N, C-alpha and C. Protein backbone atom coordinates (compact mmCIF):
# COMPACT_ATOMS: atom_id res chain seq x y z
N MET A 1 67.32 -50.11 12.78
CA MET A 1 68.15 -50.21 11.59
C MET A 1 67.80 -49.08 10.62
N PHE A 2 68.83 -48.51 9.99
CA PHE A 2 68.63 -47.39 9.09
C PHE A 2 69.43 -47.61 7.79
N THR A 3 69.30 -46.68 6.86
CA THR A 3 70.02 -46.79 5.59
C THR A 3 71.05 -45.69 5.39
N GLY A 4 70.97 -44.64 6.21
CA GLY A 4 71.88 -43.51 6.03
C GLY A 4 71.42 -42.54 4.97
N ILE A 5 70.17 -42.69 4.51
CA ILE A 5 69.58 -41.74 3.56
C ILE A 5 68.70 -40.78 4.36
N ILE A 6 69.14 -39.56 4.50
CA ILE A 6 68.44 -38.59 5.35
C ILE A 6 67.11 -38.18 4.72
N LYS A 7 66.07 -38.20 5.54
CA LYS A 7 64.74 -37.86 5.05
C LYS A 7 64.38 -36.40 5.31
N LYS A 8 64.85 -35.87 6.44
CA LYS A 8 64.54 -34.48 6.78
C LYS A 8 65.68 -33.88 7.59
N VAL A 9 65.83 -32.56 7.46
CA VAL A 9 66.70 -31.81 8.36
C VAL A 9 65.77 -31.00 9.26
N SER A 10 65.93 -31.17 10.57
CA SER A 10 65.04 -30.50 11.51
C SER A 10 65.86 -29.65 12.47
N ARG A 11 65.17 -29.06 13.44
CA ARG A 11 65.81 -28.10 14.35
C ARG A 11 65.59 -28.51 15.80
N VAL A 12 66.64 -28.37 16.61
CA VAL A 12 66.52 -28.59 18.05
C VAL A 12 65.79 -27.39 18.66
N GLU A 13 64.72 -27.67 19.40
CA GLU A 13 63.90 -26.60 19.97
C GLU A 13 64.22 -26.32 21.44
N ARG A 14 64.48 -27.37 22.20
CA ARG A 14 64.79 -27.20 23.63
C ARG A 14 65.76 -28.27 24.08
N ILE A 15 66.54 -27.92 25.11
CA ILE A 15 67.48 -28.85 25.71
C ILE A 15 67.44 -28.68 27.23
N SER A 16 67.46 -29.81 27.94
CA SER A 16 67.52 -29.75 29.40
C SER A 16 68.32 -30.94 29.91
N GLU A 17 68.85 -30.82 31.12
CA GLU A 17 69.62 -31.90 31.74
C GLU A 17 69.01 -32.26 33.08
N ARG A 18 68.93 -33.57 33.33
CA ARG A 18 68.44 -34.06 34.61
C ARG A 18 69.18 -35.34 34.97
N LYS A 19 69.81 -35.32 36.14
CA LYS A 19 70.49 -36.50 36.68
C LYS A 19 71.48 -37.10 35.68
N GLY A 20 72.21 -36.24 34.99
CA GLY A 20 73.24 -36.70 34.08
C GLY A 20 72.76 -37.04 32.68
N SER A 21 71.45 -37.09 32.48
CA SER A 21 70.89 -37.38 31.16
C SER A 21 70.54 -36.08 30.44
N LEU A 22 70.58 -36.14 29.12
CA LEU A 22 70.27 -34.97 28.30
C LEU A 22 68.94 -35.20 27.59
N PHE A 23 68.04 -34.24 27.71
CA PHE A 23 66.73 -34.33 27.08
C PHE A 23 66.67 -33.31 25.94
N VAL A 24 66.44 -33.81 24.73
CA VAL A 24 66.47 -32.97 23.54
C VAL A 24 65.12 -33.00 22.85
N GLU A 25 64.54 -31.82 22.66
CA GLU A 25 63.25 -31.70 21.99
C GLU A 25 63.49 -31.21 20.56
N VAL A 26 62.99 -31.97 19.60
CA VAL A 26 63.25 -31.70 18.18
C VAL A 26 61.94 -31.38 17.46
N SER A 27 62.00 -30.44 16.53
CA SER A 27 60.82 -30.09 15.75
C SER A 27 60.39 -31.28 14.89
N LYS A 28 59.12 -31.59 14.92
CA LYS A 28 58.57 -32.73 14.18
C LYS A 28 58.31 -32.33 12.73
N PRO A 29 58.92 -33.03 11.77
CA PRO A 29 58.71 -32.68 10.36
C PRO A 29 57.23 -32.78 9.97
N ALA A 30 56.79 -31.89 9.11
CA ALA A 30 55.40 -31.91 8.65
C ALA A 30 55.09 -33.22 7.96
N GLY A 31 53.97 -33.82 8.33
CA GLY A 31 53.54 -35.06 7.71
C GLY A 31 54.09 -36.32 8.36
N TRP A 32 55.01 -36.17 9.28
CA TRP A 32 55.59 -37.35 9.95
C TRP A 32 54.64 -37.85 11.04
N LYS A 33 54.36 -39.14 11.02
CA LYS A 33 53.61 -39.78 12.09
C LYS A 33 54.61 -40.51 12.98
N ILE A 34 54.74 -40.05 14.20
CA ILE A 34 55.72 -40.60 15.13
C ILE A 34 55.02 -41.26 16.31
N LYS A 35 55.52 -42.42 16.71
CA LYS A 35 54.93 -43.16 17.82
C LYS A 35 55.87 -43.17 19.01
N LEU A 36 55.29 -43.27 20.21
CA LEU A 36 56.09 -43.40 21.42
C LEU A 36 56.95 -44.66 21.33
N GLY A 37 58.21 -44.55 21.71
CA GLY A 37 59.09 -45.70 21.68
C GLY A 37 59.73 -45.96 20.33
N GLU A 38 59.36 -45.18 19.33
CA GLU A 38 59.92 -45.36 17.99
C GLU A 38 61.38 -44.93 17.96
N SER A 39 62.16 -45.60 17.12
CA SER A 39 63.57 -45.24 16.96
C SER A 39 63.74 -44.30 15.77
N ILE A 40 64.40 -43.19 16.00
CA ILE A 40 64.69 -42.22 14.95
C ILE A 40 66.18 -41.88 15.02
N SER A 41 66.83 -41.88 13.87
CA SER A 41 68.24 -41.50 13.81
C SER A 41 68.32 -39.97 13.82
N ILE A 42 69.02 -39.44 14.81
CA ILE A 42 69.24 -38.00 14.91
C ILE A 42 70.74 -37.76 14.82
N ASN A 43 71.19 -37.21 13.70
CA ASN A 43 72.62 -37.05 13.43
C ASN A 43 73.37 -38.37 13.61
N GLY A 44 72.71 -39.45 13.23
CA GLY A 44 73.35 -40.76 13.28
C GLY A 44 73.20 -41.50 14.57
N VAL A 45 72.59 -40.88 15.57
CA VAL A 45 72.40 -41.52 16.87
C VAL A 45 71.00 -42.13 16.93
N CYS A 46 70.92 -43.43 17.14
CA CYS A 46 69.63 -44.09 17.28
C CYS A 46 68.97 -43.58 18.55
N SER A 47 67.85 -42.87 18.39
CA SER A 47 67.21 -42.17 19.51
C SER A 47 65.78 -42.66 19.68
N THR A 48 65.40 -42.96 20.93
CA THR A 48 64.06 -43.45 21.23
C THR A 48 63.15 -42.30 21.60
N VAL A 49 61.99 -42.23 20.95
CA VAL A 49 61.02 -41.16 21.22
C VAL A 49 60.41 -41.37 22.60
N LYS A 50 60.59 -40.39 23.47
CA LYS A 50 60.12 -40.49 24.86
C LYS A 50 58.74 -39.88 25.03
N THR A 51 58.56 -38.68 24.46
CA THR A 51 57.25 -38.04 24.48
C THR A 51 57.03 -37.34 23.14
N ILE A 52 55.75 -37.06 22.83
CA ILE A 52 55.40 -36.41 21.58
C ILE A 52 54.51 -35.21 21.87
N GLY A 53 54.90 -34.05 21.33
CA GLY A 53 54.09 -32.86 21.47
C GLY A 53 53.36 -32.57 20.17
N ILE A 54 52.73 -31.42 20.09
CA ILE A 54 51.99 -31.06 18.88
C ILE A 54 52.93 -30.89 17.69
N ASN A 55 54.04 -30.19 17.94
CA ASN A 55 54.98 -29.91 16.86
C ASN A 55 56.39 -30.42 17.12
N THR A 56 56.58 -31.14 18.22
CA THR A 56 57.90 -31.61 18.58
C THR A 56 57.86 -33.04 19.11
N PHE A 57 59.03 -33.64 19.23
CA PHE A 57 59.15 -34.92 19.95
C PHE A 57 60.41 -34.85 20.80
N LEU A 58 60.42 -35.62 21.89
CA LEU A 58 61.49 -35.55 22.87
C LEU A 58 62.24 -36.88 22.93
N VAL A 59 63.59 -36.79 23.00
CA VAL A 59 64.42 -37.98 23.17
C VAL A 59 65.35 -37.74 24.36
N GLU A 60 65.84 -38.84 24.92
CA GLU A 60 66.74 -38.77 26.07
C GLU A 60 68.06 -39.44 25.73
N TYR A 61 69.16 -38.81 26.12
CA TYR A 61 70.49 -39.38 25.91
C TYR A 61 71.17 -39.64 27.25
N MET A 62 71.64 -40.86 27.42
CA MET A 62 72.34 -41.25 28.64
C MET A 62 73.78 -40.73 28.61
N PRO A 63 74.46 -40.72 29.76
CA PRO A 63 75.84 -40.23 29.82
C PRO A 63 76.77 -40.91 28.81
N GLU A 64 76.61 -42.21 28.58
CA GLU A 64 77.48 -42.91 27.63
C GLU A 64 77.30 -42.38 26.22
N THR A 65 76.06 -42.08 25.83
CA THR A 65 75.79 -41.51 24.51
C THR A 65 76.38 -40.10 24.41
N ILE A 66 76.23 -39.31 25.46
CA ILE A 66 76.78 -37.96 25.47
C ILE A 66 78.30 -38.01 25.32
N LYS A 67 78.92 -39.01 25.94
CA LYS A 67 80.38 -39.14 25.91
C LYS A 67 80.90 -39.52 24.53
N LYS A 68 80.17 -40.39 23.81
CA LYS A 68 80.69 -40.94 22.57
C LYS A 68 80.15 -40.28 21.30
N THR A 69 79.24 -39.31 21.44
CA THR A 69 78.65 -38.67 20.27
C THR A 69 78.70 -37.15 20.43
N THR A 70 78.19 -36.46 19.44
CA THR A 70 78.12 -35.00 19.50
C THR A 70 76.83 -34.49 20.14
N ALA A 71 76.02 -35.42 20.69
CA ALA A 71 74.74 -35.02 21.27
C ALA A 71 74.91 -33.97 22.36
N GLY A 72 76.01 -34.05 23.09
CA GLY A 72 76.24 -33.10 24.17
C GLY A 72 76.48 -31.68 23.69
N SER A 73 76.76 -31.52 22.40
CA SER A 73 77.01 -30.18 21.86
C SER A 73 75.77 -29.59 21.18
N PHE A 74 74.66 -30.33 21.20
CA PHE A 74 73.43 -29.80 20.63
C PHE A 74 73.02 -28.52 21.38
N GLN A 75 72.54 -27.55 20.63
CA GLN A 75 72.05 -26.31 21.21
C GLN A 75 70.69 -25.97 20.60
N LYS A 76 69.96 -25.10 21.24
CA LYS A 76 68.71 -24.66 20.67
C LYS A 76 68.99 -24.02 19.31
N GLY A 77 68.32 -24.50 18.28
CA GLY A 77 68.53 -23.99 16.93
C GLY A 77 69.44 -24.85 16.09
N SER A 78 70.12 -25.82 16.70
CA SER A 78 71.00 -26.71 15.93
C SER A 78 70.20 -27.47 14.89
N LEU A 79 70.75 -27.58 13.67
CA LEU A 79 70.12 -28.37 12.63
C LEU A 79 70.60 -29.80 12.72
N VAL A 80 69.67 -30.75 12.67
CA VAL A 80 70.01 -32.16 12.81
C VAL A 80 69.39 -32.98 11.68
N ASN A 81 70.10 -34.02 11.27
CA ASN A 81 69.62 -34.94 10.24
C ASN A 81 68.71 -35.98 10.85
N LEU A 82 67.57 -36.23 10.20
CA LEU A 82 66.62 -37.21 10.72
C LEU A 82 66.38 -38.33 9.70
N GLU A 83 66.28 -39.56 10.22
CA GLU A 83 65.85 -40.70 9.41
C GLU A 83 65.04 -41.64 10.28
N LYS A 84 63.85 -42.02 9.82
CA LYS A 84 63.05 -43.00 10.54
C LYS A 84 63.63 -44.38 10.30
N SER A 85 63.31 -45.31 11.21
CA SER A 85 63.87 -46.66 11.10
C SER A 85 63.38 -47.37 9.85
N LEU A 86 64.21 -48.28 9.36
CA LEU A 86 63.96 -49.00 8.11
C LEU A 86 62.82 -50.01 8.26
N LYS A 87 61.92 -50.03 7.27
CA LYS A 87 60.87 -51.05 7.21
C LYS A 87 61.36 -52.20 6.32
N ILE A 88 60.78 -53.38 6.52
CA ILE A 88 61.23 -54.56 5.79
C ILE A 88 61.11 -54.38 4.28
N ASN A 89 60.08 -53.66 3.83
CA ASN A 89 59.88 -53.50 2.38
C ASN A 89 60.50 -52.22 1.82
N ASP A 90 61.31 -51.51 2.63
CA ASP A 90 61.97 -50.30 2.15
C ASP A 90 63.20 -50.64 1.30
N LEU A 91 63.54 -49.74 0.37
CA LEU A 91 64.75 -49.92 -0.43
C LEU A 91 65.98 -49.57 0.41
N LEU A 92 67.03 -50.36 0.28
CA LEU A 92 68.28 -50.08 0.98
C LEU A 92 69.16 -49.23 0.06
N ASP A 93 68.83 -47.94 -0.04
CA ASP A 93 69.55 -47.06 -0.96
C ASP A 93 70.96 -46.74 -0.49
N GLY A 94 71.18 -46.73 0.82
CA GLY A 94 72.49 -46.42 1.35
C GLY A 94 73.23 -47.70 1.70
N HIS A 95 73.49 -47.92 2.99
CA HIS A 95 74.05 -49.19 3.46
C HIS A 95 73.47 -49.47 4.84
N ILE A 96 73.77 -50.62 5.41
CA ILE A 96 73.21 -50.98 6.70
C ILE A 96 73.81 -50.10 7.80
N VAL A 97 72.96 -49.31 8.43
CA VAL A 97 73.38 -48.39 9.48
C VAL A 97 72.60 -48.72 10.75
N GLN A 98 73.31 -48.90 11.85
CA GLN A 98 72.66 -49.29 13.10
C GLN A 98 72.26 -48.10 13.97
N GLY A 99 72.89 -46.96 13.73
CA GLY A 99 72.63 -45.83 14.63
C GLY A 99 73.45 -45.94 15.90
N HIS A 100 74.47 -46.81 15.89
CA HIS A 100 75.37 -46.99 17.03
C HIS A 100 76.68 -46.27 16.71
N VAL A 101 76.77 -45.04 17.11
CA VAL A 101 77.95 -44.21 16.80
C VAL A 101 79.18 -44.78 17.49
N ASP A 102 80.26 -44.96 16.73
CA ASP A 102 81.50 -45.51 17.29
C ASP A 102 82.35 -44.45 17.96
N THR A 103 82.42 -43.28 17.33
CA THR A 103 83.30 -42.23 17.83
C THR A 103 82.94 -40.93 17.12
N THR A 104 83.60 -39.87 17.51
CA THR A 104 83.43 -38.60 16.80
C THR A 104 84.72 -38.28 16.05
N GLY A 105 84.61 -37.47 15.02
CA GLY A 105 85.76 -37.05 14.25
C GLY A 105 85.74 -35.54 14.09
N LYS A 106 86.87 -34.99 13.69
CA LYS A 106 86.98 -33.54 13.52
C LYS A 106 87.23 -33.21 12.06
N ILE A 107 86.45 -32.28 11.52
CA ILE A 107 86.65 -31.82 10.14
C ILE A 107 87.90 -30.94 10.11
N THR A 108 88.88 -31.35 9.32
CA THR A 108 90.14 -30.59 9.28
C THR A 108 90.36 -29.87 7.95
N ASP A 109 89.59 -30.21 6.93
CA ASP A 109 89.77 -29.54 5.65
C ASP A 109 88.51 -29.71 4.79
N ILE A 110 88.16 -28.69 4.06
CA ILE A 110 87.03 -28.74 3.13
C ILE A 110 87.48 -28.09 1.83
N LYS A 111 87.45 -28.85 0.74
CA LYS A 111 87.89 -28.34 -0.55
C LYS A 111 86.79 -28.50 -1.59
N LYS A 112 86.66 -27.52 -2.47
CA LYS A 112 85.70 -27.61 -3.56
C LYS A 112 86.25 -28.49 -4.67
N ALA A 113 85.36 -29.28 -5.27
CA ALA A 113 85.73 -30.11 -6.41
C ALA A 113 84.55 -30.06 -7.38
N GLY A 114 84.53 -29.03 -8.22
CA GLY A 114 83.39 -28.84 -9.12
C GLY A 114 82.17 -28.44 -8.32
N GLN A 115 81.06 -29.15 -8.52
CA GLN A 115 79.82 -28.90 -7.79
C GLN A 115 79.83 -29.58 -6.42
N SER A 116 80.83 -30.41 -6.17
CA SER A 116 80.92 -31.15 -4.91
C SER A 116 82.01 -30.55 -4.03
N ILE A 117 82.11 -31.09 -2.82
CA ILE A 117 83.22 -30.74 -1.95
C ILE A 117 83.82 -32.03 -1.40
N VAL A 118 85.11 -31.99 -1.08
CA VAL A 118 85.78 -33.12 -0.44
C VAL A 118 86.09 -32.70 0.98
N MET A 119 85.59 -33.50 1.92
CA MET A 119 85.75 -33.19 3.34
C MET A 119 86.74 -34.17 3.98
N LYS A 120 87.72 -33.63 4.67
CA LYS A 120 88.71 -34.45 5.36
C LYS A 120 88.39 -34.48 6.85
N ILE A 121 88.37 -35.68 7.41
CA ILE A 121 87.99 -35.87 8.81
C ILE A 121 89.05 -36.69 9.53
N THR A 122 89.49 -36.22 10.68
CA THR A 122 90.44 -36.98 11.48
C THR A 122 89.68 -37.74 12.56
N ALA A 123 90.21 -38.90 12.92
CA ALA A 123 89.59 -39.74 13.93
C ALA A 123 90.64 -40.65 14.55
N SER A 124 90.25 -41.36 15.59
CA SER A 124 91.15 -42.29 16.27
C SER A 124 91.61 -43.39 15.31
N GLU A 125 92.89 -43.76 15.41
CA GLU A 125 93.43 -44.83 14.56
C GLU A 125 92.68 -46.14 14.79
N ARG A 126 92.17 -46.33 15.99
CA ARG A 126 91.41 -47.56 16.31
C ARG A 126 90.23 -47.73 15.35
N TYR A 127 89.58 -46.64 15.01
CA TYR A 127 88.42 -46.71 14.13
C TYR A 127 88.78 -46.52 12.67
N LEU A 128 89.90 -45.83 12.40
CA LEU A 128 90.35 -45.70 11.02
C LEU A 128 90.65 -47.07 10.42
N ALA A 129 91.02 -48.04 11.25
CA ALA A 129 91.30 -49.39 10.77
C ALA A 129 90.05 -50.05 10.19
N LEU A 130 88.88 -49.53 10.55
CA LEU A 130 87.61 -50.10 10.08
C LEU A 130 87.03 -49.32 8.90
N ILE A 131 87.77 -48.32 8.42
CA ILE A 131 87.30 -47.49 7.30
C ILE A 131 88.21 -47.73 6.10
N ALA A 132 87.62 -48.23 5.01
CA ALA A 132 88.41 -48.62 3.84
C ALA A 132 88.16 -47.68 2.66
N ASP A 133 89.19 -47.52 1.83
CA ASP A 133 89.02 -46.74 0.61
C ASP A 133 87.87 -47.31 -0.21
N LYS A 134 86.99 -46.43 -0.66
CA LYS A 134 85.81 -46.77 -1.46
C LYS A 134 84.80 -47.62 -0.69
N GLY A 135 84.98 -47.72 0.63
CA GLY A 135 84.01 -48.42 1.46
C GLY A 135 82.93 -47.47 1.94
N SER A 136 82.08 -47.93 2.83
CA SER A 136 80.98 -47.12 3.34
C SER A 136 81.27 -46.63 4.76
N VAL A 137 80.83 -45.42 5.04
CA VAL A 137 80.94 -44.85 6.38
C VAL A 137 79.73 -43.96 6.60
N THR A 138 79.33 -43.82 7.86
CA THR A 138 78.20 -42.96 8.18
C THR A 138 78.69 -41.73 8.94
N ILE A 139 78.39 -40.56 8.41
CA ILE A 139 78.78 -39.29 9.03
C ILE A 139 77.51 -38.53 9.39
N ASP A 140 77.31 -38.29 10.70
CA ASP A 140 76.10 -37.60 11.18
C ASP A 140 74.84 -38.24 10.60
N GLY A 141 74.87 -39.57 10.47
CA GLY A 141 73.71 -40.31 10.00
C GLY A 141 73.61 -40.45 8.50
N ILE A 142 74.57 -39.91 7.76
CA ILE A 142 74.52 -39.92 6.30
C ILE A 142 75.42 -41.02 5.75
N SER A 143 74.88 -41.87 4.90
CA SER A 143 75.65 -42.92 4.24
C SER A 143 76.53 -42.29 3.15
N LEU A 144 77.85 -42.46 3.30
CA LEU A 144 78.79 -41.87 2.35
C LEU A 144 79.83 -42.88 1.92
N THR A 145 80.41 -42.65 0.74
CA THR A 145 81.49 -43.49 0.24
C THR A 145 82.82 -42.83 0.56
N VAL A 146 83.73 -43.61 1.11
CA VAL A 146 85.05 -43.11 1.47
C VAL A 146 85.87 -42.91 0.20
N VAL A 147 86.49 -41.75 0.07
CA VAL A 147 87.35 -41.47 -1.09
C VAL A 147 88.75 -42.02 -0.86
N ASP A 148 89.35 -41.61 0.26
CA ASP A 148 90.74 -41.98 0.54
C ASP A 148 90.92 -42.06 2.05
N THR A 149 91.95 -42.77 2.49
CA THR A 149 92.24 -42.89 3.91
C THR A 149 93.73 -42.69 4.18
N GLY A 150 94.02 -42.23 5.39
CA GLY A 150 95.39 -42.12 5.86
C GLY A 150 95.47 -42.74 7.23
N ARG A 151 96.57 -42.56 7.90
CA ARG A 151 96.75 -43.17 9.22
C ARG A 151 95.78 -42.62 10.25
N SER A 152 95.47 -41.32 10.16
CA SER A 152 94.60 -40.71 11.16
C SER A 152 93.47 -39.91 10.53
N TRP A 153 93.21 -40.11 9.25
CA TRP A 153 92.19 -39.33 8.57
C TRP A 153 91.56 -40.12 7.43
N PHE A 154 90.42 -39.62 6.96
CA PHE A 154 89.79 -40.14 5.75
C PHE A 154 89.04 -38.99 5.08
N THR A 155 88.73 -39.15 3.81
CA THR A 155 87.99 -38.12 3.09
C THR A 155 86.72 -38.70 2.49
N VAL A 156 85.72 -37.85 2.36
CA VAL A 156 84.46 -38.20 1.71
C VAL A 156 84.11 -37.09 0.73
N SER A 157 83.45 -37.44 -0.35
CA SER A 157 83.01 -36.46 -1.34
C SER A 157 81.51 -36.23 -1.17
N LEU A 158 81.12 -34.97 -1.09
CA LEU A 158 79.72 -34.62 -0.88
C LEU A 158 79.17 -33.94 -2.13
N VAL A 159 78.19 -34.58 -2.75
CA VAL A 159 77.59 -34.02 -3.96
C VAL A 159 76.62 -32.91 -3.58
N ASP A 160 76.22 -32.14 -4.56
CA ASP A 160 75.36 -30.99 -4.34
C ASP A 160 74.06 -31.38 -3.63
N HIS A 161 73.48 -32.53 -3.99
CA HIS A 161 72.22 -32.97 -3.37
C HIS A 161 72.41 -33.18 -1.87
N THR A 162 73.51 -33.82 -1.48
CA THR A 162 73.77 -34.05 -0.05
C THR A 162 73.96 -32.74 0.69
N LEU A 163 74.67 -31.80 0.08
CA LEU A 163 74.92 -30.51 0.72
C LEU A 163 73.63 -29.73 0.95
N LYS A 164 72.68 -29.87 0.01
CA LYS A 164 71.43 -29.12 0.10
C LYS A 164 70.39 -29.80 0.99
N ASN A 165 70.48 -31.13 1.17
CA ASN A 165 69.43 -31.87 1.87
C ASN A 165 69.87 -32.48 3.20
N THR A 166 71.05 -32.10 3.69
CA THR A 166 71.50 -32.52 5.01
C THR A 166 72.14 -31.30 5.69
N ASN A 167 72.59 -31.49 6.92
CA ASN A 167 73.22 -30.37 7.62
C ASN A 167 74.71 -30.25 7.33
N LEU A 168 75.28 -31.15 6.53
CA LEU A 168 76.72 -31.10 6.26
C LEU A 168 77.13 -29.84 5.50
N GLY A 169 76.23 -29.31 4.71
CA GLY A 169 76.54 -28.11 3.95
C GLY A 169 76.83 -26.91 4.82
N GLY A 170 76.39 -26.94 6.08
CA GLY A 170 76.60 -25.82 6.98
C GLY A 170 77.76 -26.02 7.95
N LEU A 171 78.43 -27.17 7.86
CA LEU A 171 79.54 -27.43 8.78
C LEU A 171 80.83 -26.76 8.29
N GLU A 172 81.73 -26.50 9.23
CA GLU A 172 82.97 -25.82 8.92
C GLU A 172 84.16 -26.58 9.50
N THR A 173 85.34 -26.20 9.06
CA THR A 173 86.57 -26.78 9.61
C THR A 173 86.60 -26.58 11.12
N GLY A 174 86.91 -27.65 11.84
CA GLY A 174 86.93 -27.59 13.30
C GLY A 174 85.70 -28.20 13.94
N ASP A 175 84.60 -28.32 13.18
CA ASP A 175 83.38 -28.94 13.71
C ASP A 175 83.59 -30.44 13.89
N ARG A 176 82.88 -31.01 14.86
CA ARG A 176 82.96 -32.44 15.11
C ARG A 176 81.71 -33.13 14.56
N VAL A 177 81.88 -34.37 14.11
CA VAL A 177 80.79 -35.14 13.53
C VAL A 177 80.77 -36.55 14.12
N ASN A 178 79.60 -37.17 14.08
CA ASN A 178 79.46 -38.55 14.54
C ASN A 178 79.90 -39.51 13.43
N ILE A 179 80.63 -40.55 13.81
CA ILE A 179 81.11 -41.54 12.86
C ILE A 179 80.63 -42.93 13.26
N GLU A 180 79.99 -43.62 12.32
CA GLU A 180 79.66 -45.04 12.50
C GLU A 180 80.33 -45.81 11.37
N THR A 181 81.20 -46.74 11.73
CA THR A 181 81.88 -47.54 10.73
C THR A 181 80.97 -48.66 10.24
N ASP A 182 81.35 -49.30 9.15
CA ASP A 182 80.56 -50.36 8.54
C ASP A 182 80.44 -51.54 9.50
N VAL A 183 79.22 -51.99 9.75
CA VAL A 183 78.99 -53.07 10.70
C VAL A 183 79.71 -54.36 10.29
N LEU A 184 79.84 -54.61 8.99
CA LEU A 184 80.54 -55.81 8.53
C LEU A 184 82.02 -55.74 8.90
N ALA A 185 82.61 -54.55 8.80
CA ALA A 185 84.01 -54.37 9.17
C ALA A 185 84.21 -54.63 10.65
N LYS A 186 83.23 -54.24 11.47
CA LYS A 186 83.33 -54.46 12.91
C LYS A 186 83.40 -55.95 13.24
N TYR A 187 82.53 -56.74 12.61
CA TYR A 187 82.49 -58.16 12.91
C TYR A 187 83.74 -58.88 12.42
N ILE A 188 84.23 -58.48 11.25
CA ILE A 188 85.46 -59.09 10.73
C ILE A 188 86.63 -58.75 11.65
N ASP A 189 86.70 -57.50 12.08
CA ASP A 189 87.76 -57.07 12.98
C ASP A 189 87.70 -57.84 14.30
N LYS A 190 86.50 -58.01 14.83
CA LYS A 190 86.32 -58.74 16.08
C LYS A 190 86.75 -60.20 15.93
N LEU A 191 86.39 -60.83 14.82
CA LEU A 191 86.75 -62.22 14.56
C LEU A 191 88.26 -62.38 14.46
N LEU A 192 88.92 -61.48 13.73
CA LEU A 192 90.37 -61.57 13.54
C LEU A 192 91.10 -61.36 14.87
N ARG A 193 90.62 -60.41 15.68
CA ARG A 193 91.27 -60.16 16.96
C ARG A 193 91.06 -61.33 17.92
N SER A 194 89.88 -61.96 17.86
CA SER A 194 89.62 -63.13 18.71
C SER A 194 90.52 -64.30 18.32
N GLN A 195 90.70 -64.50 17.03
CA GLN A 195 91.58 -65.57 16.55
C GLN A 195 93.02 -65.30 16.96
N LYS A 196 93.42 -64.04 16.89
CA LYS A 196 94.78 -63.67 17.26
C LYS A 196 95.02 -63.90 18.75
N ASN A 197 94.04 -63.56 19.58
CA ASN A 197 94.16 -63.78 21.01
C ASN A 197 94.20 -65.26 21.35
N ALA A 198 93.42 -66.05 20.61
CA ALA A 198 93.37 -67.49 20.85
C ALA A 198 94.74 -68.12 20.54
N LYS A 199 95.40 -67.67 19.49
CA LYS A 199 96.72 -68.17 19.14
C LYS A 199 97.75 -67.82 20.19
N ARG A 200 97.63 -66.62 20.76
CA ARG A 200 98.56 -66.19 21.81
C ARG A 200 98.43 -67.06 23.03
N LYS A 201 97.19 -67.44 23.39
CA LYS A 201 96.97 -68.26 24.57
C LYS A 201 97.56 -69.66 24.41
N LYS A 202 97.58 -70.14 23.16
CA LYS A 202 98.11 -71.49 22.90
C LYS A 202 99.62 -71.52 22.96
N GLN A 203 100.24 -70.38 22.72
CA GLN A 203 101.70 -70.32 22.71
C GLN A 203 102.32 -70.38 24.10
């Protein structure tokens, strides 16, 4: 479990593939104590630490993760957002984030708004139904508030602090990002669809 408050931006050091799985070695932030088996959010993907080196740690991504996230596009030198898993006594500054990426979206527009920018992202209508105006959404592991929504898009506003302390400040139009919708919206949607299916069966 995470909060969507990014603690560090780090760099991908090495990438390799074996038997359909992707192995990604990431630079270990100074001062971080990492344990084997620990869960770390990397660009919003809940990643299990497989091995630990002197200055790096290694995670493995299965084909399903590669298919549904941007992990397959990681390259040596890619900047990634990192957040360690939430402790019981930690403050929930963002919102409840599972690290279970639902889909990817494409940045289609970036506009300046004072010291901030407004980013427009397109995504599947299936997941847009779970994103509400002024609700919460996770983009590349970052907890953000939705500004506006359309049939196939939504916008988020990025303040100067977010731009300077995450990798979003370096993204451009056409780049893809990981999207995790609000977990509460998922359960409500599932309940409503189950009730709807139950009514159909009775008819």
